[in-house]
Structure formats: structure tokens, C-alpha cells
Amino acid sequence: MHSQQTDQKLFSFELFPPKTEEGMEKLKTQVRKLARVNPLYVSVTFGAGGSTQQRTFQSVEWLVSEGIEAAPHISCISSSVAEIVQLLNRYKEQGIHRLVTLRGDLPSGTGLGGRGELNYANELVALIRREFGDYFHIEVAAYPEFHPQAANARADLNNFKRKVDAGANAAITQYFYNADAYFRFVDSCEKMDIGIPIVPGIMPITNYGNLSRFSDACGAEIPRWIRKRLEAYADDVESIRAFGVDVVSELCRRLLDHGAPGLHFYTMNQSAATLKIWDNLGLTE
């Protein structure tokens, strides 16, 4: 195992756009707490459909107004090339330089139909490079435990390489709780001459029911010993959160000690657990 060389550790946070004005006000309070530790950027997820897109734009504009570097998510499913270019021009006009570039989820019940003109994330990366050159810093997704729709591990690695070859600058992983899965994934990438930073995605544990549903849907494995401990706590929220902070802090420490180039926290629009983990790691200068 050798570390991925970066000049600085890359620490970032992810938010989702709130659905209501009240949610937006709560988000602002949480982000201001998170901003005190100076993340490199804050990414904002992107929902399909008009109202959700407007919330993404609103969240991104607010982050920029606060002097925080924003990285909007952009996906290609169900969008035309013209719509994607229009969106990218909008972000460029706002001074956005960083994107998280994804295929996006297929609309339910569409099968292979109902897609946009681009079907895969590598095609989206190629389009951005073709239209905008090196203006945007492009983050793509990586899957240490492999994408749930991948035929096999080799196919998933090849798909990741296509995104890198198309012009991705860095990658953020799906969250995981098994550090060895990440280390093996990075080793496999190095053997394929993939040299971009692969930043571990970190999901704090605050609610077992939600985590279990998320994990089943996205193919992230919750190790049996963690599941059993969380089940034993039942509705004891404080114990779940304390255990979650300890487990995830230890995971992060191991990742950083063994050469991970940084951490990307899936904050779920909350600051407390992420900041406790941050403090446990001694990241505040």
C-alpha cells in the first residue's frame, strides 16, 4: 500500500437541497457550523425535476454568497446534451469551478428507455471536457464494494477507468465501513495506472433504520458486528450516536494513517456527528 500523493488532504462535505424554506434555514445554520473547519468544498446533490433543481441552484448560490466553494452534482440521465451545456454555462457564470459528475439514477420503470442522450458518466465527463476544456475540476464516483448494477468487480473497475480516461480529476467513493475494501480498490486502481486521488466517502452513523435502508439500496455493506451492536441499542439514540462516532472516527483514522488523500463526509444536512469525528481526528488546527 502506498499513499496517493496530494499536496494537502482533501476534506469536503456533502449536502442535499432542502424541500422547504424552513429546511433551507435549518441547513444554513448547520453549514455555518461546518464552515468553521474550512472544508475544501461543499457538494450539493442534484434531483431531477424543476422544483428540486431550483433548490439545488438556491443552495449553491447561497454557499457562494457565504464564500464557500460549492460543487454541484450533475447527472446525465433524462437530460439532453443541450440542457446539460446550458446548466454548465449557468454554473460557470456563477463562478463554480468544481463539479461532482454522475450518471444518475434511472427513472423507475424505464428500463433502458427514458434515458437522455448520454447514458454513462464517462460520456458526461467527455462532454464537459469537450465543451469547457479544463475550466471545471471534475469529481466522479467510485465504488470500493462495487456498484450494485455492475456485472462483476472487473467490469466496475473498467467503468471507473473510463471515467478517469475521459478527464476526471478526482473521485469520491460510495460510503463503506470496511477499510480493507477501500485499500484493495485503490491497489487495483494503481495496477491499472489510475493515478487520481480517490477520496473515501464517509457516512456518520446517527440512525440505524435510515442507514440500513440506504445501505441496502446502494450496495454499501454494514459489517455484521456493527449491525448487531446497533440493533442492541434499539431506540437508545444517544448510545447509537456515541457508538457511531467511535466506529467512524476509528475508520477515518485508519484510512488517513494508511494514505487516503482525504475524507468526504455525507453530512445528511447535520453538523454534530461530522464535527465530533473531525475533533476526534484532531483535524482542527
C-alpha atoms as a PDB file:
ATOM      1  CA  MET A   1       0.000   0.000   0.000  1.00  0.00           C
ATOM      2  CA  HIS A   2       1.403   3.374  -0.890  1.00  0.00           C
ATOM      3  CA  SER A   3      -0.350   6.662  -0.396  1.00  0.00           C
ATOM      4  CA  GLN A   4      -1.937   8.680  -3.173  1.00  0.00           C
ATOM      5  CA  GLN A   5       0.162  11.802  -3.390  1.00  0.00           C
ATOM      6  CA  THR A   6      -1.645  15.104  -2.909  1.00  0.00           C
ATOM      7  CA  ASP A   7      -0.249  18.415  -1.699  1.00  0.00           C
ATOM      8  CA  GLN A   8      -2.906  18.641   1.007  1.00  0.00           C
ATOM      9  CA  LYS A   9      -5.535  16.371   2.488  1.00  0.00           C
ATOM     10  CA  LEU A  10      -8.837  16.888   0.707  1.00  0.00           C
ATOM     11  CA  PHE A  11     -11.660  17.354   3.221  1.00  0.00           C
ATOM     12  CA  SER A  12     -15.148  18.071   1.931  1.00  0.00           C
ATOM     13  CA  PHE A  13     -18.799  17.812   2.916  1.00  0.00           C
ATOM     14  CA  GLU A  14     -21.978  16.878   1.060  1.00  0.00           C
ATOM     15  CA  LEU A  15     -25.463  18.365   1.427  1.00  0.00           C
ATOM     16  CA  PHE A  16     -28.814  17.768  -0.217  1.00  0.00           C
ATOM     17  CA  PRO A  17     -31.100  20.666  -1.199  1.00  0.00           C
ATOM     18  CA  PRO A  18     -33.930  21.134   1.332  1.00  0.00           C
ATOM     19  CA  LYS A  19     -37.507  20.949   0.049  1.00  0.00           C
ATOM     20  CA  THR A  20     -38.862  23.878   2.082  1.00  0.00           C
ATOM     21  CA  GLU A  21     -37.816  27.382   3.142  1.00  0.00           C
ATOM     22  CA  GLU A  22     -37.792  26.171   6.748  1.00  0.00           C
ATOM     23  CA  GLY A  23     -35.442  23.363   5.706  1.00  0.00           C
ATOM     24  CA  MET A  24     -33.232  25.899   3.960  1.00  0.00           C
ATOM     25  CA  GLU A  25     -32.930  27.995   7.125  1.00  0.00           C
ATOM     26  CA  LYS A  26     -32.007  24.901   9.143  1.00  0.00           C
ATOM     27  CA  LEU A  27     -29.425  23.977   6.513  1.00  0.00           C
ATOM     28  CA  LYS A  28     -27.821  27.417   6.703  1.00  0.00           C
ATOM     29  CA  THR A  29     -27.400  27.006  10.479  1.00  0.00           C
ATOM     30  CA  GLN A  30     -25.726  23.595  10.038  1.00  0.00           C
ATOM     31  CA  VAL A  31     -23.482  24.759   7.178  1.00  0.00           C
ATOM     32  CA  ARG A  32     -22.227  27.738   9.162  1.00  0.00           C
ATOM     33  CA  LYS A  33     -21.140  25.294  11.888  1.00  0.00           C
ATOM     34  CA  LEU A  34     -19.440  23.046   9.331  1.00  0.00           C
ATOM     35  CA  ALA A  35     -17.778  26.010   7.597  1.00  0.00           C
ATOM     36  CA  ARG A  36     -15.764  26.791  10.738  1.00  0.00           C
ATOM     37  CA  VAL A  37     -13.437  23.885   9.910  1.00  0.00           C
ATOM     38  CA  ASN A  38     -12.776  25.238   6.402  1.00  0.00           C
ATOM     39  CA  PRO A  39     -13.669  22.331   4.097  1.00  0.00           C
ATOM     40  CA  LEU A  40     -12.101  22.457   0.643  1.00  0.00           C
ATOM     41  CA  TYR A  41     -15.609  22.460  -0.842  1.00  0.00           C
ATOM     42  CA  VAL A  42     -19.222  21.543  -0.141  1.00  0.00           C
ATOM     43  CA  SER A  43     -21.050  19.420  -2.705  1.00  0.00           C
ATOM     44  CA  VAL A  44     -24.793  19.700  -3.315  1.00  0.00           C
ATOM     45  CA  THR A  45     -26.807  16.778  -4.653  1.00  0.00           C
ATOM     46  CA  PHE A  46     -28.987  17.308  -7.699  1.00  0.00           C
ATOM     47  CA  GLY A  47     -32.502  15.989  -8.004  1.00  0.00           C
ATOM     48  CA  ALA A  48     -34.285  15.528 -11.285  1.00  0.00           C
ATOM     49  CA  GLY A  49     -37.251  17.765 -11.957  1.00  0.00           C
ATOM     50  CA  GLY A  50     -37.833  21.500 -11.849  1.00  0.00           C
ATOM     51  CA  SER A  51     -38.556  22.275  -8.188  1.00  0.00           C
ATOM     52  CA  THR A  52     -35.694  20.116  -6.893  1.00  0.00           C
ATOM     53  CA  GLN A  53     -33.299  21.671  -9.392  1.00  0.00           C
ATOM     54  CA  GLN A  54     -34.296  25.140  -8.211  1.00  0.00           C
ATOM     55  CA  ARG A  55     -33.470  24.124  -4.648  1.00  0.00           C
ATOM     56  CA  THR A  56     -30.055  22.944  -5.831  1.00  0.00           C
ATOM     57  CA  PHE A  57     -29.440  26.304  -7.547  1.00  0.00           C
ATOM     58  CA  GLN A  58     -30.630  28.154  -4.435  1.00  0.00           C
ATOM     59  CA  SER A  59     -28.314  26.120  -2.181  1.00  0.00           C
ATOM     60  CA  VAL A  60     -25.336  26.599  -4.495  1.00  0.00           C
ATOM     61  CA  GLU A  61     -25.945  30.355  -4.786  1.00  0.00           C
ATOM     62  CA  TRP A  62     -26.153  30.674  -1.006  1.00  0.00           C
ATOM     63  CA  LEU A  63     -22.898  28.737  -0.491  1.00  0.00           C
ATOM     64  CA  VAL A  64     -21.130  31.002  -2.994  1.00  0.00           C
ATOM     65  CA  SER A  65     -22.519  34.086  -1.214  1.00  0.00           C
ATOM     66  CA  GLU A  66     -21.036  32.741   2.043  1.00  0.00           C
ATOM     67  CA  GLY A  67     -17.620  32.403   0.434  1.00  0.00           C
ATOM     68  CA  ILE A  68     -17.780  28.589   0.475  1.00  0.00           C
ATOM     69  CA  GLU A  69     -16.641  26.703  -2.622  1.00  0.00           C
ATOM     70  CA  ALA A  70     -19.654  24.799  -3.940  1.00  0.00           C
ATOM     71  CA  ALA A  71     -19.536  21.658  -6.069  1.00  0.00           C
ATOM     72  CA  PRO A  72     -22.958  20.929  -7.568  1.00  0.00           C
ATOM     73  CA  HIS A  73     -23.764  17.371  -8.582  1.00  0.00           C
ATOM     74  CA  ILE A  74     -24.625  16.969 -12.239  1.00  0.00           C
ATOM     75  CA  SER A  75     -26.058  13.850 -13.866  1.00  0.00           C
ATOM     76  CA  CYS A  76     -26.798  12.929 -17.464  1.00  0.00           C
ATOM     77  CA  ILE A  77     -29.801  10.613 -17.185  1.00  0.00           C
ATOM     78  CA  SER A  78     -33.026  12.173 -18.540  1.00  0.00           C
ATOM     79  CA  SER A  79     -31.224  15.301 -19.778  1.00  0.00           C
ATOM     80  CA  SER A  80     -30.318  16.322 -23.315  1.00  0.00           C
ATOM     81  CA  VAL A  81     -26.818  17.492 -24.224  1.00  0.00           C
ATOM     82  CA  ALA A  82     -28.219  20.996 -24.788  1.00  0.00           C
ATOM     83  CA  GLU A  83     -29.770  21.040 -21.297  1.00  0.00           C
ATOM     84  CA  ILE A  84     -26.534  19.864 -19.722  1.00  0.00           C
ATOM     85  CA  VAL A  85     -24.462  22.514 -21.535  1.00  0.00           C
ATOM     86  CA  GLN A  86     -26.987  25.192 -20.526  1.00  0.00           C
ATOM     87  CA  LEU A  87     -26.687  24.086 -16.895  1.00  0.00           C
ATOM     88  CA  LEU A  88     -22.888  24.098 -17.034  1.00  0.00           C
ATOM     89  CA  ASN A  89     -22.881  27.591 -18.514  1.00  0.00           C
ATOM     90  CA  ARG A  90     -25.096  28.724 -15.655  1.00  0.00           C
ATOM     91  CA  TYR A  91     -22.622  27.316 -13.130  1.00  0.00           C
ATOM     92  CA  LYS A  92     -19.684  28.862 -14.977  1.00  0.00           C
ATOM     93  CA  GLU A  93     -21.382  32.273 -14.840  1.00  0.00           C
ATOM     94  CA  GLN A  94     -21.747  31.807 -11.068  1.00  0.00           C
ATOM     95  CA  GLY A  95     -18.018  31.195 -10.765  1.00  0.00           C
ATOM     96  CA  ILE A  96     -18.438  27.493  -9.972  1.00  0.00           C
ATOM     97  CA  HIS A  97     -15.246  25.581 -10.800  1.00  0.00           C
ATOM     98  CA  ARG A  98     -15.904  22.160  -9.295  1.00  0.00           C
ATOM     99  CA  LEU A  99     -18.478  19.511 -10.253  1.00  0.00           C
ATOM    100  CA  VAL A 100     -19.459  16.088  -8.961  1.00  0.00           C
ATOM    101  CA  THR A 101     -20.287  14.235 -12.165  1.00  0.00           C
ATOM    102  CA  LEU A 102     -22.558  11.188 -12.079  1.00  0.00           C
ATOM    103  CA  ARG A 103     -24.667   9.047 -14.357  1.00  0.00           C
ATOM    104  CA  GLY A 104     -27.676   9.490 -12.118  1.00  0.00           C
ATOM    105  CA  ASP A 105     -30.382   7.016 -11.211  1.00  0.00           C
ATOM    106  CA  LEU A 106     -32.518   5.564 -13.952  1.00  0.00           C
ATOM    107  CA  PRO A 107     -36.158   6.616 -13.585  1.00  0.00           C
ATOM    108  CA  SER A 108     -38.117   3.699 -12.147  1.00  0.00           C
ATOM    109  CA  GLY A 109     -39.882   1.547 -14.698  1.00  0.00           C
ATOM    110  CA  THR A 110     -37.996   2.910 -17.708  1.00  0.00           C
ATOM    111  CA  GLY A 111     -35.535   0.043 -18.238  1.00  0.00           C
ATOM    112  CA  LEU A 112     -33.057   1.254 -20.823  1.00  0.00           C
ATOM    113  CA  GLY A 113     -35.575   3.614 -22.360  1.00  0.00           C
ATOM    114  CA  GLY A 114     -36.279   7.066 -20.984  1.00  0.00           C
ATOM    115  CA  ARG A 115     -32.622   7.993 -20.819  1.00  0.00           C
ATOM    116  CA  GLY A 116     -31.106  11.179 -22.108  1.00  0.00           C
ATOM    117  CA  GLU A 117     -28.634  11.443 -24.973  1.00  0.00           C
ATOM    118  CA  LEU A 118     -25.817  10.380 -22.645  1.00  0.00           C
ATOM    119  CA  ASN A 119     -26.060   7.029 -20.886  1.00  0.00           C
ATOM    120  CA  TYR A 120     -22.893   6.875 -18.777  1.00  0.00           C
ATOM    121  CA  ALA A 121     -20.851   9.149 -16.535  1.00  0.00           C
ATOM    122  CA  ASN A 122     -17.738   8.818 -18.735  1.00  0.00           C
ATOM    123  CA  GLU A 123     -19.743  10.317 -21.631  1.00  0.00           C
ATOM    124  CA  LEU A 124     -20.730  13.232 -19.397  1.00  0.00           C
ATOM    125  CA  VAL A 125     -17.110  13.798 -18.348  1.00  0.00           C
ATOM    126  CA  ALA A 126     -16.052  13.728 -22.012  1.00  0.00           C
ATOM    127  CA  LEU A 127     -18.781  16.267 -22.904  1.00  0.00           C
ATOM    128  CA  ILE A 128     -17.646  18.663 -20.149  1.00  0.00           C
ATOM    129  CA  ARG A 129     -14.031  18.439 -21.304  1.00  0.00           C
ATOM    130  CA  ARG A 130     -15.037  18.925 -24.955  1.00  0.00           C
ATOM    131  CA  GLU A 131     -17.210  21.984 -24.232  1.00  0.00           C
ATOM    132  CA  PHE A 132     -15.297  23.624 -21.377  1.00  0.00           C
ATOM    133  CA  GLY A 133     -11.719  22.327 -21.571  1.00  0.00           C
ATOM    134  CA  ASP A 134     -10.041  22.355 -18.169  1.00  0.00           C
ATOM    135  CA  TYR A 135     -12.318  25.028 -16.658  1.00  0.00           C
ATOM    136  CA  PHE A 136     -14.073  22.572 -14.314  1.00  0.00           C
ATOM    137  CA  HIS A 137     -12.459  20.334 -11.712  1.00  0.00           C
ATOM    138  CA  ILE A 138     -14.385  17.081 -12.131  1.00  0.00           C
ATOM    139  CA  GLU A 139     -15.071  14.627  -9.300  1.00  0.00           C
ATOM    140  CA  VAL A 140     -16.532  11.229 -10.218  1.00  0.00           C
ATOM    141  CA  ALA A 141     -17.927   8.355  -8.144  1.00  0.00           C
ATOM    142  CA  ALA A 142     -16.013   5.213  -7.169  1.00  0.00           C
ATOM    143  CA  TYR A 143     -17.318   2.031  -5.548  1.00  0.00           C
ATOM    144  CA  PRO A 144     -14.890   0.107  -3.285  1.00  0.00           C
ATOM    145  CA  GLU A 145     -17.598  -2.533  -2.691  1.00  0.00           C
ATOM    146  CA  PHE A 146     -18.624  -2.220  -6.348  1.00  0.00           C
ATOM    147  CA  HIS A 147     -21.663  -0.694  -7.963  1.00  0.00           C
ATOM    148  CA  PRO A 148     -24.817  -2.738  -7.278  1.00  0.00           C
ATOM    149  CA  GLN A 149     -25.578  -2.838 -11.022  1.00  0.00           C
ATOM    150  CA  ALA A 150     -22.067  -3.854 -12.100  1.00  0.00           C
ATOM    151  CA  ALA A 151     -21.773  -7.268 -13.752  1.00  0.00           C
ATOM    152  CA  ASN A 152     -18.655  -8.009 -11.676  1.00  0.00           C
ATOM    153  CA  ALA A 153     -15.707  -6.323  -9.988  1.00  0.00           C
ATOM    154  CA  ARG A 154     -13.606  -6.189 -13.173  1.00  0.00           C
ATOM    155  CA  ALA A 155     -16.409  -4.551 -15.152  1.00  0.00           C
ATOM    156  CA  ASP A 156     -16.829  -1.943 -12.424  1.00  0.00           C
ATOM    157  CA  LEU A 157     -13.104  -1.147 -12.364  1.00  0.00           C
ATOM    158  CA  ASN A 158     -13.082  -0.821 -16.154  1.00  0.00           C
ATOM    159  CA  ASN A 159     -16.036   1.546 -15.948  1.00  0.00           C
ATOM    160  CA  PHE A 160     -14.196   3.651 -13.368  1.00  0.00           C
ATOM    161  CA  LYS A 161     -11.111   3.764 -15.601  1.00  0.00           C
ATOM    162  CA  ARG A 162     -13.251   5.031 -18.495  1.00  0.00           C
ATOM    163  CA  LYS A 163     -14.330   7.996 -16.337  1.00  0.00           C
ATOM    164  CA  VAL A 164     -10.728   8.738 -15.412  1.00  0.00           C
ATOM    165  CA  ASP A 165      -9.533   8.441 -19.011  1.00  0.00           C
ATOM    166  CA  ALA A 166     -12.318  10.816 -20.092  1.00  0.00           C
ATOM    167  CA  GLY A 167     -10.817  13.539 -17.901  1.00  0.00           C
ATOM    168  CA  ALA A 168     -11.855  13.162 -14.239  1.00  0.00           C
ATOM    169  CA  ASN A 169      -9.577  14.948 -11.746  1.00  0.00           C
ATOM    170  CA  ALA A 170     -10.503  13.022  -8.600  1.00  0.00           C
ATOM    171  CA  ALA A 171     -13.013  10.527  -7.224  1.00  0.00           C
ATOM    172  CA  ILE A 172     -15.268  10.261  -4.183  1.00  0.00           C
ATOM    173  CA  THR A 173     -16.241   6.784  -3.056  1.00  0.00           C
ATOM    174  CA  GLN A 174     -19.562   5.403  -2.015  1.00  0.00           C
ATOM    175  CA  TYR A 175     -19.527   5.176   1.766  1.00  0.00           C
ATOM    176  CA  PHE A 176     -18.265   1.973   3.379  1.00  0.00           C
ATOM    177  CA  TYR A 177     -17.335   0.668   6.833  1.00  0.00           C
ATOM    178  CA  ASN A 178     -14.723  -1.876   5.734  1.00  0.00           C
ATOM    179  CA  ALA A 179     -11.389  -0.107   5.279  1.00  0.00           C
ATOM    180  CA  ASP A 180      -9.851  -3.156   3.572  1.00  0.00           C
ATOM    181  CA  ALA A 181     -12.386  -2.867   0.740  1.00  0.00           C
ATOM    182  CA  TYR A 182     -11.100   0.661   0.091  1.00  0.00           C
ATOM    183  CA  PHE A 183      -7.418  -0.295   0.282  1.00  0.00           C
ATOM    184  CA  ARG A 184      -7.907  -3.206  -2.116  1.00  0.00           C
ATOM    185  CA  PHE A 185      -9.850  -0.981  -4.508  1.00  0.00           C
ATOM    186  CA  VAL A 186      -7.052   1.618  -4.514  1.00  0.00           C
ATOM    187  CA  ASP A 187      -4.446  -1.099  -5.096  1.00  0.00           C
ATOM    188  CA  SER A 188      -6.470  -2.427  -8.049  1.00  0.00           C
ATOM    189  CA  CYS A 189      -6.675   1.092  -9.482  1.00  0.00           C
ATOM    190  CA  GLU A 190      -2.926   1.624  -9.131  1.00  0.00           C
ATOM    191  CA  LYS A 191      -2.320  -1.606 -11.060  1.00  0.00           C
ATOM    192  CA  MET A 192      -4.491  -0.157 -13.841  1.00  0.00           C
ATOM    193  CA  ASP A 193      -2.414   3.079 -13.837  1.00  0.00           C
ATOM    194  CA  ILE A 194      -5.266   5.115 -12.385  1.00  0.00           C
ATOM    195  CA  GLY A 195      -3.449   7.918 -10.597  1.00  0.00           C
ATOM    196  CA  ILE A 196      -6.155  10.366  -9.477  1.00  0.00           C
ATOM    197  CA  PRO A 197      -6.919  10.889  -5.770  1.00  0.00           C
ATOM    198  CA  ILE A 198      -9.670   8.507  -4.585  1.00  0.00           C
ATOM    199  CA  VAL A 199     -11.218  10.165  -1.536  1.00  0.00           C
ATOM    200  CA  PRO A 200     -13.184   7.897   0.839  1.00  0.00           C
ATOM    201  CA  GLY A 201     -16.829   8.832   1.295  1.00  0.00           C
ATOM    202  CA  ILE A 202     -17.742   8.789   4.996  1.00  0.00           C
ATOM    203  CA  MET A 203     -21.269   8.307   6.349  1.00  0.00           C
ATOM    204  CA  PRO A 204     -21.611   9.145  10.051  1.00  0.00           C
ATOM    205  CA  ILE A 205     -23.899   6.736  11.917  1.00  0.00           C
ATOM    206  CA  THR A 206     -26.761   8.532  13.690  1.00  0.00           C
ATOM    207  CA  ASN A 207     -29.877   6.498  12.856  1.00  0.00           C
ATOM    208  CA  TYR A 208     -29.783   2.739  12.312  1.00  0.00           C
ATOM    209  CA  GLY A 209     -33.094   2.456  10.431  1.00  0.00           C
ATOM    210  CA  ASN A 210     -32.159   5.091   7.860  1.00  0.00           C
ATOM    211  CA  LEU A 211     -28.625   3.735   7.481  1.00  0.00           C
ATOM    212  CA  SER A 212     -29.908   0.207   6.925  1.00  0.00           C
ATOM    213  CA  ARG A 213     -32.309   1.365   4.189  1.00  0.00           C
ATOM    214  CA  PHE A 214     -29.655   3.492   2.456  1.00  0.00           C
ATOM    215  CA  SER A 215     -27.132   0.683   2.572  1.00  0.00           C
ATOM    216  CA  ASP A 216     -29.480  -1.937   1.176  1.00  0.00           C
ATOM    217  CA  ALA A 217     -30.368   0.407  -1.686  1.00  0.00           C
ATOM    218  CA  CYS A 218     -26.832   1.415  -2.676  1.00  0.00           C
ATOM    219  CA  GLY A 219     -24.911  -1.788  -2.016  1.00  0.00           C
ATOM    220  CA  ALA A 220     -22.861  -0.492   0.926  1.00  0.00           C
ATOM    221  CA  GLU A 221     -22.191  -3.268   3.422  1.00  0.00           C
ATOM    222  CA  ILE A 222     -22.734  -2.703   7.131  1.00  0.00           C
ATOM    223  CA  PRO A 223     -20.472  -5.284   8.811  1.00  0.00           C
ATOM    224  CA  ARG A 224     -22.415  -7.774  10.910  1.00  0.00           C
ATOM    225  CA  TRP A 225     -20.735  -6.733  14.160  1.00  0.00           C
ATOM    226  CA  ILE A 226     -21.817  -3.105  13.604  1.00  0.00           C
ATOM    227  CA  ARG A 227     -25.377  -4.144  12.693  1.00  0.00           C
ATOM    228  CA  LYS A 228     -25.662  -6.290  15.835  1.00  0.00           C
ATOM    229  CA  ARG A 229     -24.388  -3.534  18.121  1.00  0.00           C
ATOM    230  CA  LEU A 230     -26.778  -1.004  16.583  1.00  0.00           C
ATOM    231  CA  GLU A 231     -29.705  -3.415  16.837  1.00  0.00           C
ATOM    232  CA  ALA A 232     -28.897  -3.966  20.522  1.00  0.00           C
ATOM    233  CA  TYR A 233     -29.215  -0.242  21.221  1.00  0.00           C
ATOM    234  CA  ALA A 234     -32.796  -0.303  19.837  1.00  0.00           C
ATOM    235  CA  ASP A 235     -34.217   3.220  20.357  1.00  0.00           C
ATOM    236  CA  ASP A 236     -31.364   4.468  22.564  1.00  0.00           C
ATOM    237  CA  VAL A 237     -30.443   7.374  20.287  1.00  0.00           C
ATOM    238  CA  GLU A 238     -27.577   8.675  22.431  1.00  0.00           C
ATOM    239  CA  SER A 239     -25.869   5.272  22.546  1.00  0.00           C
ATOM    240  CA  ILE A 240     -26.275   4.823  18.783  1.00  0.00           C
ATOM    241  CA  ARG A 241     -24.706   8.220  18.140  1.00  0.00           C
ATOM    242  CA  ALA A 242     -21.837   7.706  20.580  1.00  0.00           C
ATOM    243  CA  PHE A 243     -21.077   4.254  19.147  1.00  0.00           C
ATOM    244  CA  GLY A 244     -21.393   5.638  15.603  1.00  0.00           C
ATOM    245  CA  VAL A 245     -18.916   8.447  16.277  1.00  0.00           C
ATOM    246  CA  ASP A 246     -16.403   5.996  17.781  1.00  0.00           C
ATOM    247  CA  VAL A 247     -16.675   3.471  14.925  1.00  0.00           C
ATOM    248  CA  VAL A 248     -16.493   6.052  12.148  1.00  0.00           C
ATOM    249  CA  SER A 249     -13.673   8.013  13.827  1.00  0.00           C
ATOM    250  CA  GLU A 250     -11.625   4.809  14.006  1.00  0.00           C
ATOM    251  CA  LEU A 251     -12.373   4.069  10.341  1.00  0.00           C
ATOM    252  CA  CYS A 252     -11.285   7.579   9.322  1.00  0.00           C
ATOM    253  CA  ARG A 253      -8.114   7.380  11.407  1.00  0.00           C
ATOM    254  CA  ARG A 254      -7.132   4.109   9.772  1.00  0.00           C
ATOM    255  CA  LEU A 255      -7.850   5.461   6.285  1.00  0.00           C
ATOM    256  CA  LEU A 256      -5.777   8.605   6.802  1.00  0.00           C
ATOM    257  CA  ASP A 257      -2.927   6.751   8.522  1.00  0.00           C
ATOM    258  CA  HIS A 258      -2.671   4.381   5.547  1.00  0.00           C
ATOM    259  CA  GLY A 259      -2.533   7.046   2.872  1.00  0.00           C
ATOM    260  CA  ALA A 260      -6.087   8.076   1.969  1.00  0.00           C
ATOM    261  CA  PRO A 261      -5.880  11.522   0.324  1.00  0.00           C
ATOM    262  CA  GLY A 262      -8.704  12.985   2.432  1.00  0.00           C
ATOM    263  CA  LEU A 263     -12.306  12.397   3.519  1.00  0.00           C
ATOM    264  CA  HIS A 264     -15.677  13.374   2.030  1.00  0.00           C
ATOM    265  CA  PHE A 265     -18.433  13.444   4.668  1.00  0.00           C
ATOM    266  CA  TYR A 266     -22.032  12.660   3.741  1.00  0.00           C
ATOM    267  CA  THR A 267     -23.441  15.021   6.378  1.00  0.00           C
ATOM    268  CA  MET A 268     -27.165  14.394   5.714  1.00  0.00           C
ATOM    269  CA  ASN A 269     -27.534  18.156   6.398  1.00  0.00           C
ATOM    270  CA  GLN A 270     -26.439  17.737  10.027  1.00  0.00           C
ATOM    271  CA  SER A 271     -23.214  19.009  11.559  1.00  0.00           C
ATOM    272  CA  ALA A 272     -22.906  17.379  15.004  1.00  0.00           C
ATOM    273  CA  ALA A 273     -21.659  13.873  14.153  1.00  0.00           C
ATOM    274  CA  THR A 274     -19.305  15.081  11.410  1.00  0.00           C
ATOM    275  CA  LEU A 275     -17.759  17.713  13.697  1.00  0.00           C
ATOM    276  CA  LYS A 276     -17.321  15.211  16.559  1.00  0.00           C
ATOM    277  CA  ILE A 277     -15.492  12.849  14.207  1.00  0.00           C
ATOM    278  CA  TRP A 278     -13.446  15.803  12.943  1.00  0.00           C
ATOM    279  CA  ASP A 279     -12.436  16.716  16.510  1.00  0.00           C
ATOM    280  CA  ASN A 280     -11.624  13.080  17.349  1.00  0.00           C
ATOM    281  CA  LEU A 281      -9.217  13.000  14.407  1.00  0.00           C
ATOM    282  CA  GLY A 282      -7.524  16.191  15.571  1.00  0.00           C
ATOM    283  CA  LEU A 283      -8.097  17.826  12.194  1.00  0.00           C
ATOM    284  CA  THR A 284      -8.774  21.297  13.592  1.00  0.00           C
ATOM    285  CA  GLU A 285      -5.537  23.202  13.508  1.00  0.00           C
END
